[in-house]
N, C-alpha and C. Protein backbone atom coordinates (compact mmCIF):
# COMPACT_ATOMS: atom_id res chain seq x y z
N MET A 1 5.04 19.87 -2.75
CA MET A 1 5.53 18.94 -3.75
C MET A 1 4.42 17.94 -4.11
N THR A 2 4.14 17.84 -5.38
CA THR A 2 3.16 16.88 -5.87
C THR A 2 3.89 15.59 -6.23
N THR A 3 3.39 14.50 -5.72
CA THR A 3 3.99 13.20 -6.03
C THR A 3 3.24 12.56 -7.20
N ARG A 4 3.82 11.51 -7.77
CA ARG A 4 3.12 10.77 -8.82
C ARG A 4 1.81 10.18 -8.29
N GLY A 5 1.82 9.80 -7.01
CA GLY A 5 0.62 9.25 -6.40
C GLY A 5 -0.51 10.27 -6.35
N ILE A 6 -0.19 11.50 -5.96
CA ILE A 6 -1.19 12.57 -5.91
C ILE A 6 -1.65 12.91 -7.32
N GLN A 7 -0.72 12.98 -8.24
CA GLN A 7 -1.06 13.25 -9.64
C GLN A 7 -2.00 12.17 -10.18
N PHE A 8 -1.73 10.92 -9.83
CA PHE A 8 -2.56 9.79 -10.25
C PHE A 8 -4.00 9.96 -9.72
N LEU A 9 -4.14 10.36 -8.46
CA LEU A 9 -5.46 10.58 -7.89
C LEU A 9 -6.19 11.71 -8.60
N ARG A 10 -5.48 12.80 -8.87
CA ARG A 10 -6.09 13.94 -9.56
C ARG A 10 -6.53 13.56 -10.97
N GLU A 11 -5.68 12.84 -11.68
CA GLU A 11 -6.01 12.44 -13.05
C GLU A 11 -7.24 11.55 -13.10
N ASN A 12 -7.48 10.82 -12.02
CA ASN A 12 -8.63 9.91 -11.96
C ASN A 12 -9.81 10.49 -11.18
N ASP A 13 -9.74 11.80 -10.88
CA ASP A 13 -10.82 12.51 -10.18
C ASP A 13 -11.25 11.84 -8.88
N VAL A 14 -10.26 11.40 -8.10
CA VAL A 14 -10.54 10.77 -6.82
C VAL A 14 -10.36 11.81 -5.71
N GLU A 15 -11.36 11.92 -4.85
CA GLU A 15 -11.27 12.84 -3.72
C GLU A 15 -10.32 12.25 -2.68
N TYR A 16 -9.48 13.11 -2.12
CA TYR A 16 -8.53 12.68 -1.11
C TYR A 16 -8.20 13.86 -0.21
N GLU A 17 -7.63 13.53 0.94
CA GLU A 17 -7.11 14.54 1.86
C GLU A 17 -5.63 14.25 2.05
N LEU A 18 -4.79 15.23 1.80
CA LEU A 18 -3.35 15.06 1.97
C LEU A 18 -2.99 15.21 3.44
N LEU A 19 -2.23 14.27 3.96
CA LEU A 19 -1.75 14.29 5.34
C LEU A 19 -0.23 14.27 5.31
N THR A 20 0.40 15.14 6.06
CA THR A 20 1.86 15.15 6.08
C THR A 20 2.37 15.10 7.52
N TYR A 21 3.54 14.55 7.67
CA TYR A 21 4.20 14.51 8.97
C TYR A 21 5.70 14.53 8.72
N ARG A 22 6.44 14.83 9.76
CA ARG A 22 7.90 14.86 9.65
C ARG A 22 8.42 13.43 9.65
N TYR A 23 8.92 13.00 8.52
CA TYR A 23 9.42 11.63 8.37
C TYR A 23 10.80 11.52 9.00
N GLU A 24 10.93 10.61 9.95
CA GLU A 24 12.24 10.35 10.56
C GLU A 24 12.61 8.88 10.46
N ARG A 25 11.60 8.01 10.60
CA ARG A 25 11.84 6.57 10.50
C ARG A 25 10.70 5.95 9.72
N MET A 26 11.06 4.87 9.02
CA MET A 26 10.08 4.16 8.21
C MET A 26 9.11 3.38 9.08
N GLY A 27 7.86 3.34 8.65
CA GLY A 27 6.89 2.47 9.30
C GLY A 27 5.51 3.08 9.37
N ALA A 28 4.52 2.27 9.03
CA ALA A 28 3.13 2.73 9.07
C ALA A 28 2.68 3.03 10.50
N ARG A 29 3.19 2.27 11.46
CA ARG A 29 2.83 2.54 12.86
C ARG A 29 3.35 3.91 13.29
N ILE A 30 4.56 4.24 12.85
CA ILE A 30 5.14 5.54 13.18
C ILE A 30 4.32 6.65 12.53
N ALA A 31 3.93 6.45 11.28
CA ALA A 31 3.10 7.44 10.59
C ALA A 31 1.76 7.61 11.30
N ALA A 32 1.14 6.51 11.69
CA ALA A 32 -0.15 6.57 12.38
C ALA A 32 -0.02 7.36 13.68
N ALA A 33 1.03 7.08 14.45
CA ALA A 33 1.24 7.79 15.71
C ALA A 33 1.49 9.28 15.46
N ALA A 34 2.31 9.59 14.46
CA ALA A 34 2.63 11.00 14.16
C ALA A 34 1.39 11.78 13.75
N LEU A 35 0.44 11.11 13.11
CA LEU A 35 -0.77 11.78 12.64
C LEU A 35 -1.95 11.61 13.59
N GLY A 36 -1.74 10.86 14.68
CA GLY A 36 -2.81 10.63 15.64
C GLY A 36 -3.95 9.80 15.09
N LEU A 37 -3.61 8.84 14.23
CA LEU A 37 -4.62 8.00 13.58
C LEU A 37 -4.56 6.57 14.11
N PRO A 38 -5.69 5.87 14.13
CA PRO A 38 -5.67 4.47 14.56
C PRO A 38 -4.94 3.60 13.54
N HIS A 39 -4.22 2.62 14.04
CA HIS A 39 -3.46 1.71 13.17
C HIS A 39 -4.34 1.02 12.14
N ARG A 40 -5.58 0.77 12.48
CA ARG A 40 -6.45 -0.02 11.60
C ARG A 40 -6.76 0.67 10.28
N ILE A 41 -6.58 2.01 10.18
CA ILE A 41 -6.90 2.69 8.92
C ILE A 41 -5.66 3.10 8.13
N VAL A 42 -4.48 2.99 8.73
CA VAL A 42 -3.24 3.37 8.03
C VAL A 42 -2.64 2.11 7.41
N LEU A 43 -2.46 2.15 6.09
CA LEU A 43 -1.99 0.97 5.37
C LEU A 43 -0.49 0.94 5.17
N LYS A 44 0.04 -0.26 5.24
CA LYS A 44 1.40 -0.53 4.77
C LYS A 44 1.25 -0.94 3.31
N SER A 45 2.12 -0.42 2.45
CA SER A 45 2.14 -0.82 1.03
C SER A 45 3.38 -1.68 0.83
N LEU A 46 3.19 -2.98 0.82
CA LEU A 46 4.31 -3.92 0.75
C LEU A 46 4.38 -4.55 -0.63
N VAL A 47 5.58 -4.67 -1.15
CA VAL A 47 5.79 -5.30 -2.45
C VAL A 47 6.31 -6.71 -2.22
N PHE A 48 5.66 -7.68 -2.86
CA PHE A 48 6.07 -9.08 -2.77
C PHE A 48 6.50 -9.56 -4.15
N ARG A 49 7.46 -10.48 -4.14
CA ARG A 49 7.96 -11.07 -5.38
C ARG A 49 7.60 -12.56 -5.39
N ALA A 50 7.11 -13.02 -6.53
CA ALA A 50 6.75 -14.43 -6.68
C ALA A 50 7.90 -15.20 -7.31
N ASP A 51 7.83 -16.52 -7.20
CA ASP A 51 8.89 -17.38 -7.74
C ASP A 51 9.01 -17.27 -9.25
N ASP A 52 7.98 -16.77 -9.93
CA ASP A 52 8.05 -16.60 -11.38
C ASP A 52 8.61 -15.23 -11.78
N GLY A 53 9.03 -14.44 -10.78
CA GLY A 53 9.62 -13.12 -11.05
C GLY A 53 8.62 -11.99 -11.09
N SER A 54 7.34 -12.29 -10.92
CA SER A 54 6.32 -11.24 -10.92
C SER A 54 6.26 -10.58 -9.54
N PHE A 55 5.64 -9.41 -9.51
CA PHE A 55 5.51 -8.65 -8.26
C PHE A 55 4.05 -8.32 -8.01
N ALA A 56 3.71 -8.06 -6.75
CA ALA A 56 2.36 -7.64 -6.38
C ALA A 56 2.44 -6.78 -5.13
N PHE A 57 1.46 -5.90 -4.98
CA PHE A 57 1.32 -5.12 -3.75
C PHE A 57 0.42 -5.87 -2.79
N ALA A 58 0.79 -5.87 -1.52
CA ALA A 58 -0.06 -6.34 -0.44
C ALA A 58 -0.30 -5.14 0.46
N LEU A 59 -1.56 -4.79 0.66
CA LEU A 59 -1.92 -3.65 1.51
C LEU A 59 -2.58 -4.19 2.77
N ILE A 60 -2.03 -3.80 3.92
CA ILE A 60 -2.54 -4.28 5.20
C ILE A 60 -2.39 -3.17 6.21
N ASP A 61 -3.23 -3.19 7.25
CA ASP A 61 -3.18 -2.13 8.26
C ASP A 61 -1.82 -2.11 8.97
N ALA A 62 -1.53 -0.98 9.59
CA ALA A 62 -0.22 -0.74 10.20
C ALA A 62 0.18 -1.80 11.22
N ALA A 63 -0.78 -2.37 11.93
CA ALA A 63 -0.46 -3.36 12.95
C ALA A 63 -0.46 -4.79 12.41
N GLY A 64 -0.88 -4.97 11.17
CA GLY A 64 -1.00 -6.32 10.61
C GLY A 64 0.28 -6.84 9.99
N THR A 65 0.31 -8.14 9.78
CA THR A 65 1.41 -8.82 9.11
C THR A 65 0.82 -9.66 7.99
N VAL A 66 1.46 -9.61 6.83
CA VAL A 66 0.99 -10.37 5.67
C VAL A 66 1.47 -11.82 5.76
N SER A 67 0.57 -12.74 5.49
CA SER A 67 0.91 -14.15 5.37
C SER A 67 1.32 -14.41 3.92
N ALA A 68 2.57 -14.74 3.70
CA ALA A 68 3.04 -15.03 2.33
C ALA A 68 2.28 -16.21 1.74
N ARG A 69 1.95 -17.17 2.57
CA ARG A 69 1.21 -18.35 2.10
C ARG A 69 -0.17 -17.94 1.58
N LYS A 70 -0.89 -17.12 2.35
CA LYS A 70 -2.22 -16.67 1.92
C LYS A 70 -2.13 -15.79 0.68
N LEU A 71 -1.14 -14.89 0.65
CA LEU A 71 -0.97 -14.02 -0.51
C LEU A 71 -0.67 -14.84 -1.75
N GLY A 72 0.18 -15.85 -1.62
CA GLY A 72 0.49 -16.72 -2.75
C GLY A 72 -0.74 -17.43 -3.27
N ARG A 73 -1.58 -17.89 -2.35
CA ARG A 73 -2.81 -18.57 -2.75
C ARG A 73 -3.74 -17.61 -3.49
N VAL A 74 -3.88 -16.40 -2.96
CA VAL A 74 -4.78 -15.40 -3.57
C VAL A 74 -4.29 -14.98 -4.96
N THR A 75 -2.98 -14.89 -5.13
CA THR A 75 -2.42 -14.45 -6.41
C THR A 75 -2.08 -15.61 -7.34
N SER A 76 -2.44 -16.82 -6.94
CA SER A 76 -2.19 -18.03 -7.73
C SER A 76 -0.70 -18.23 -8.01
N ARG A 77 0.12 -17.96 -7.02
CA ARG A 77 1.57 -18.16 -7.13
C ARG A 77 1.98 -19.19 -6.09
N LYS A 78 2.89 -20.05 -6.48
CA LYS A 78 3.32 -21.12 -5.60
C LYS A 78 4.08 -20.59 -4.39
N HIS A 79 4.94 -19.61 -4.63
CA HIS A 79 5.76 -19.07 -3.55
C HIS A 79 5.91 -17.57 -3.72
N VAL A 80 5.64 -16.80 -2.67
CA VAL A 80 5.89 -15.36 -2.67
C VAL A 80 6.67 -14.99 -1.42
N GLU A 81 7.44 -13.93 -1.54
CA GLU A 81 8.20 -13.42 -0.39
C GLU A 81 8.34 -11.92 -0.54
N PRO A 82 8.60 -11.22 0.56
CA PRO A 82 8.79 -9.78 0.45
C PRO A 82 9.91 -9.47 -0.55
N ALA A 83 9.67 -8.50 -1.41
CA ALA A 83 10.69 -8.08 -2.37
C ALA A 83 11.82 -7.39 -1.62
N SER A 84 13.00 -7.44 -2.18
CA SER A 84 14.11 -6.70 -1.59
C SER A 84 13.82 -5.21 -1.72
N PRO A 85 14.38 -4.38 -0.84
CA PRO A 85 14.18 -2.93 -0.99
C PRO A 85 14.58 -2.45 -2.38
N ARG A 86 15.65 -3.00 -2.91
CA ARG A 86 16.12 -2.59 -4.25
C ARG A 86 15.08 -2.92 -5.32
N ASP A 87 14.54 -4.14 -5.28
CA ASP A 87 13.51 -4.53 -6.25
C ASP A 87 12.24 -3.69 -6.07
N ALA A 88 11.84 -3.46 -4.82
CA ALA A 88 10.63 -2.67 -4.55
C ALA A 88 10.79 -1.27 -5.12
N GLN A 89 11.94 -0.67 -4.93
CA GLN A 89 12.19 0.67 -5.45
C GLN A 89 12.23 0.67 -6.98
N ARG A 90 12.81 -0.38 -7.55
CA ARG A 90 12.94 -0.47 -9.01
C ARG A 90 11.58 -0.58 -9.68
N VAL A 91 10.71 -1.44 -9.17
CA VAL A 91 9.42 -1.66 -9.84
C VAL A 91 8.40 -0.56 -9.56
N THR A 92 8.53 0.12 -8.42
CA THR A 92 7.56 1.17 -8.09
C THR A 92 8.03 2.57 -8.47
N GLY A 93 9.34 2.76 -8.50
CA GLY A 93 9.88 4.10 -8.75
C GLY A 93 9.86 4.97 -7.51
N TYR A 94 9.53 4.40 -6.37
CA TYR A 94 9.48 5.13 -5.11
C TYR A 94 10.55 4.63 -4.15
N LEU A 95 11.00 5.52 -3.26
CA LEU A 95 11.93 5.13 -2.22
C LEU A 95 11.20 4.33 -1.15
N VAL A 96 11.89 3.37 -0.54
CA VAL A 96 11.33 2.65 0.59
C VAL A 96 10.97 3.69 1.66
N GLY A 97 9.79 3.55 2.23
CA GLY A 97 9.29 4.55 3.17
C GLY A 97 8.31 5.50 2.49
N GLY A 98 8.27 5.43 1.15
CA GLY A 98 7.36 6.25 0.37
C GLY A 98 6.67 5.44 -0.71
N ILE A 99 6.77 4.11 -0.61
CA ILE A 99 6.21 3.23 -1.64
C ILE A 99 4.69 3.22 -1.58
N SER A 100 4.08 3.28 -2.77
CA SER A 100 2.63 3.31 -2.88
C SER A 100 2.21 2.67 -4.20
N PRO A 101 1.05 2.03 -4.22
CA PRO A 101 0.53 1.55 -5.51
C PRO A 101 -0.03 2.70 -6.35
N LEU A 102 -0.25 3.85 -5.74
CA LEU A 102 -0.77 5.02 -6.45
C LEU A 102 0.34 5.62 -7.29
N GLY A 103 0.21 5.57 -8.61
CA GLY A 103 1.22 6.15 -9.48
C GLY A 103 2.50 5.36 -9.57
N SER A 104 2.46 4.10 -9.18
CA SER A 104 3.64 3.24 -9.24
C SER A 104 4.17 3.16 -10.68
N ARG A 105 5.48 3.09 -10.80
CA ARG A 105 6.12 3.01 -12.13
C ARG A 105 5.52 1.88 -12.95
N ARG A 106 5.39 0.70 -12.33
CA ARG A 106 4.76 -0.44 -12.99
C ARG A 106 3.44 -0.72 -12.29
N ARG A 107 2.42 -0.93 -13.07
CA ARG A 107 1.12 -1.28 -12.48
C ARG A 107 1.18 -2.74 -12.05
N LEU A 108 1.10 -2.96 -10.78
CA LEU A 108 1.18 -4.31 -10.22
C LEU A 108 -0.18 -4.73 -9.69
N PRO A 109 -0.44 -6.04 -9.64
CA PRO A 109 -1.66 -6.49 -8.98
C PRO A 109 -1.65 -6.02 -7.52
N VAL A 110 -2.83 -5.70 -7.00
CA VAL A 110 -2.95 -5.20 -5.64
C VAL A 110 -3.93 -6.08 -4.87
N VAL A 111 -3.51 -6.51 -3.68
CA VAL A 111 -4.40 -7.26 -2.80
C VAL A 111 -4.53 -6.46 -1.51
N LEU A 112 -5.77 -6.12 -1.17
CA LEU A 112 -6.08 -5.39 0.06
C LEU A 112 -6.62 -6.37 1.08
N ASP A 113 -6.05 -6.36 2.27
CA ASP A 113 -6.51 -7.27 3.31
C ASP A 113 -7.98 -7.01 3.63
N ALA A 114 -8.72 -8.08 3.80
CA ALA A 114 -10.17 -8.00 4.01
C ALA A 114 -10.54 -7.20 5.25
N ARG A 115 -9.75 -7.29 6.30
CA ARG A 115 -10.08 -6.54 7.52
C ARG A 115 -9.98 -5.04 7.27
N ALA A 116 -8.92 -4.62 6.59
CA ALA A 116 -8.76 -3.19 6.27
C ALA A 116 -9.87 -2.71 5.34
N ALA A 117 -10.31 -3.57 4.44
CA ALA A 117 -11.34 -3.21 3.47
C ALA A 117 -12.68 -2.91 4.13
N GLN A 118 -12.86 -3.30 5.39
CA GLN A 118 -14.11 -3.04 6.10
C GLN A 118 -14.22 -1.58 6.54
N GLU A 119 -13.11 -0.86 6.56
CA GLU A 119 -13.11 0.55 6.96
C GLU A 119 -13.68 1.42 5.84
N ASP A 120 -14.37 2.50 6.19
CA ASP A 120 -14.91 3.42 5.18
C ASP A 120 -13.81 4.26 4.54
N LEU A 121 -12.85 4.68 5.35
CA LEU A 121 -11.73 5.50 4.88
C LEU A 121 -10.42 4.82 5.24
N LEU A 122 -9.45 4.94 4.34
CA LEU A 122 -8.12 4.40 4.60
C LEU A 122 -7.08 5.47 4.30
N VAL A 123 -5.92 5.31 4.91
CA VAL A 123 -4.80 6.23 4.69
C VAL A 123 -3.67 5.42 4.09
N ILE A 124 -3.12 5.92 2.98
CA ILE A 124 -2.07 5.20 2.27
C ILE A 124 -1.00 6.18 1.82
N ASN A 125 0.21 5.68 1.65
CA ASN A 125 1.31 6.53 1.23
C ASN A 125 0.99 7.17 -0.11
N ALA A 126 1.39 8.42 -0.25
CA ALA A 126 1.12 9.18 -1.48
C ALA A 126 2.30 9.14 -2.45
N GLY A 127 3.35 8.41 -2.09
CA GLY A 127 4.49 8.29 -3.00
C GLY A 127 5.71 9.08 -2.57
N ALA A 128 5.72 9.54 -1.32
CA ALA A 128 6.88 10.24 -0.79
C ALA A 128 6.90 10.05 0.72
N ARG A 129 8.08 10.00 1.28
CA ARG A 129 8.20 9.87 2.73
C ARG A 129 7.54 11.06 3.42
N GLY A 130 6.67 10.76 4.38
CA GLY A 130 5.99 11.81 5.13
C GLY A 130 4.74 12.36 4.47
N LYS A 131 4.33 11.79 3.34
CA LYS A 131 3.10 12.24 2.65
C LYS A 131 2.16 11.05 2.48
N LEU A 132 0.97 11.20 3.05
CA LEU A 132 -0.05 10.17 2.93
C LEU A 132 -1.34 10.82 2.46
N VAL A 133 -2.25 10.00 1.97
CA VAL A 133 -3.57 10.49 1.58
C VAL A 133 -4.64 9.64 2.26
N ARG A 134 -5.71 10.34 2.66
CA ARG A 134 -6.89 9.66 3.21
C ARG A 134 -7.94 9.67 2.11
N LEU A 135 -8.50 8.51 1.81
CA LEU A 135 -9.51 8.42 0.76
C LEU A 135 -10.50 7.31 1.09
N ARG A 136 -11.60 7.31 0.36
CA ARG A 136 -12.61 6.28 0.58
C ARG A 136 -12.07 4.92 0.13
N THR A 137 -12.34 3.92 0.92
CA THR A 137 -11.89 2.57 0.62
C THR A 137 -12.42 2.11 -0.73
N LYS A 138 -13.68 2.38 -1.00
CA LYS A 138 -14.26 1.95 -2.28
C LYS A 138 -13.55 2.60 -3.46
N ASP A 139 -13.10 3.85 -3.30
CA ASP A 139 -12.36 4.52 -4.37
C ASP A 139 -10.99 3.88 -4.58
N LEU A 140 -10.33 3.54 -3.47
CA LEU A 140 -9.02 2.89 -3.56
C LEU A 140 -9.13 1.55 -4.27
N VAL A 141 -10.10 0.76 -3.88
CA VAL A 141 -10.30 -0.57 -4.49
C VAL A 141 -10.59 -0.44 -5.98
N ALA A 142 -11.48 0.48 -6.33
CA ALA A 142 -11.85 0.64 -7.74
C ALA A 142 -10.68 1.17 -8.56
N LEU A 143 -9.99 2.16 -8.05
CA LEU A 143 -8.89 2.79 -8.77
C LEU A 143 -7.76 1.82 -9.06
N LEU A 144 -7.45 0.98 -8.08
CA LEU A 144 -6.34 0.04 -8.22
C LEU A 144 -6.78 -1.33 -8.72
N ASP A 145 -8.08 -1.51 -8.94
CA ASP A 145 -8.64 -2.81 -9.29
C ASP A 145 -8.13 -3.85 -8.29
N ALA A 146 -8.18 -3.46 -7.02
CA ALA A 146 -7.63 -4.29 -5.95
C ALA A 146 -8.53 -5.49 -5.66
N GLN A 147 -7.88 -6.58 -5.38
CA GLN A 147 -8.58 -7.78 -4.94
C GLN A 147 -8.63 -7.72 -3.41
N VAL A 148 -9.79 -7.94 -2.84
CA VAL A 148 -9.94 -7.94 -1.39
C VAL A 148 -9.93 -9.39 -0.92
N ALA A 149 -9.02 -9.70 0.00
CA ALA A 149 -8.90 -11.08 0.48
C ALA A 149 -8.23 -11.09 1.85
N ASP A 150 -8.41 -12.18 2.56
CA ASP A 150 -7.74 -12.36 3.85
C ASP A 150 -6.29 -12.75 3.58
N ILE A 151 -5.37 -11.82 3.82
CA ILE A 151 -3.94 -12.10 3.65
C ILE A 151 -3.20 -11.91 4.97
N ARG A 152 -3.95 -11.81 6.06
CA ARG A 152 -3.39 -11.55 7.38
C ARG A 152 -2.79 -12.82 7.98
N ALA A 153 -1.61 -12.68 8.53
CA ALA A 153 -0.97 -13.79 9.24
C ALA A 153 -1.64 -13.95 10.60
N GLY A 154 -1.65 -15.20 11.07
CA GLY A 154 -2.14 -15.44 12.41
C GLY A 154 -3.56 -15.74 12.55
């Protein structure tokens, strides 16, 4: 099955490796364990909603937690919070557990955590539960016009 995320990568001539696992429970840590990958290279694709009604993606490694305060500062929004699952699904067109900025229904601003951006390769959801892609970090940043910033809590 080709997802919109995979189609998006193909349309933009981005090299990637498709990784699949049996999806049973949501979570980047679970995906990393199922694929035998270190948490530091597997990204969570989180959707945040700002007080003005806008949305943005925050990408952080599987073990990391996003600081809403830092994300708000980076996106020039006074207040941001995790979007509801319903809103996240509505704006991305993907089911929770398969959400990705790749091929998202609406193109949203993307912020990649600075620590994750130090890796040469990253793994991100391909737009379906149990389907991820491994690609070069520089390709991901360029393709999504991602802003790299410290959004890590703690």
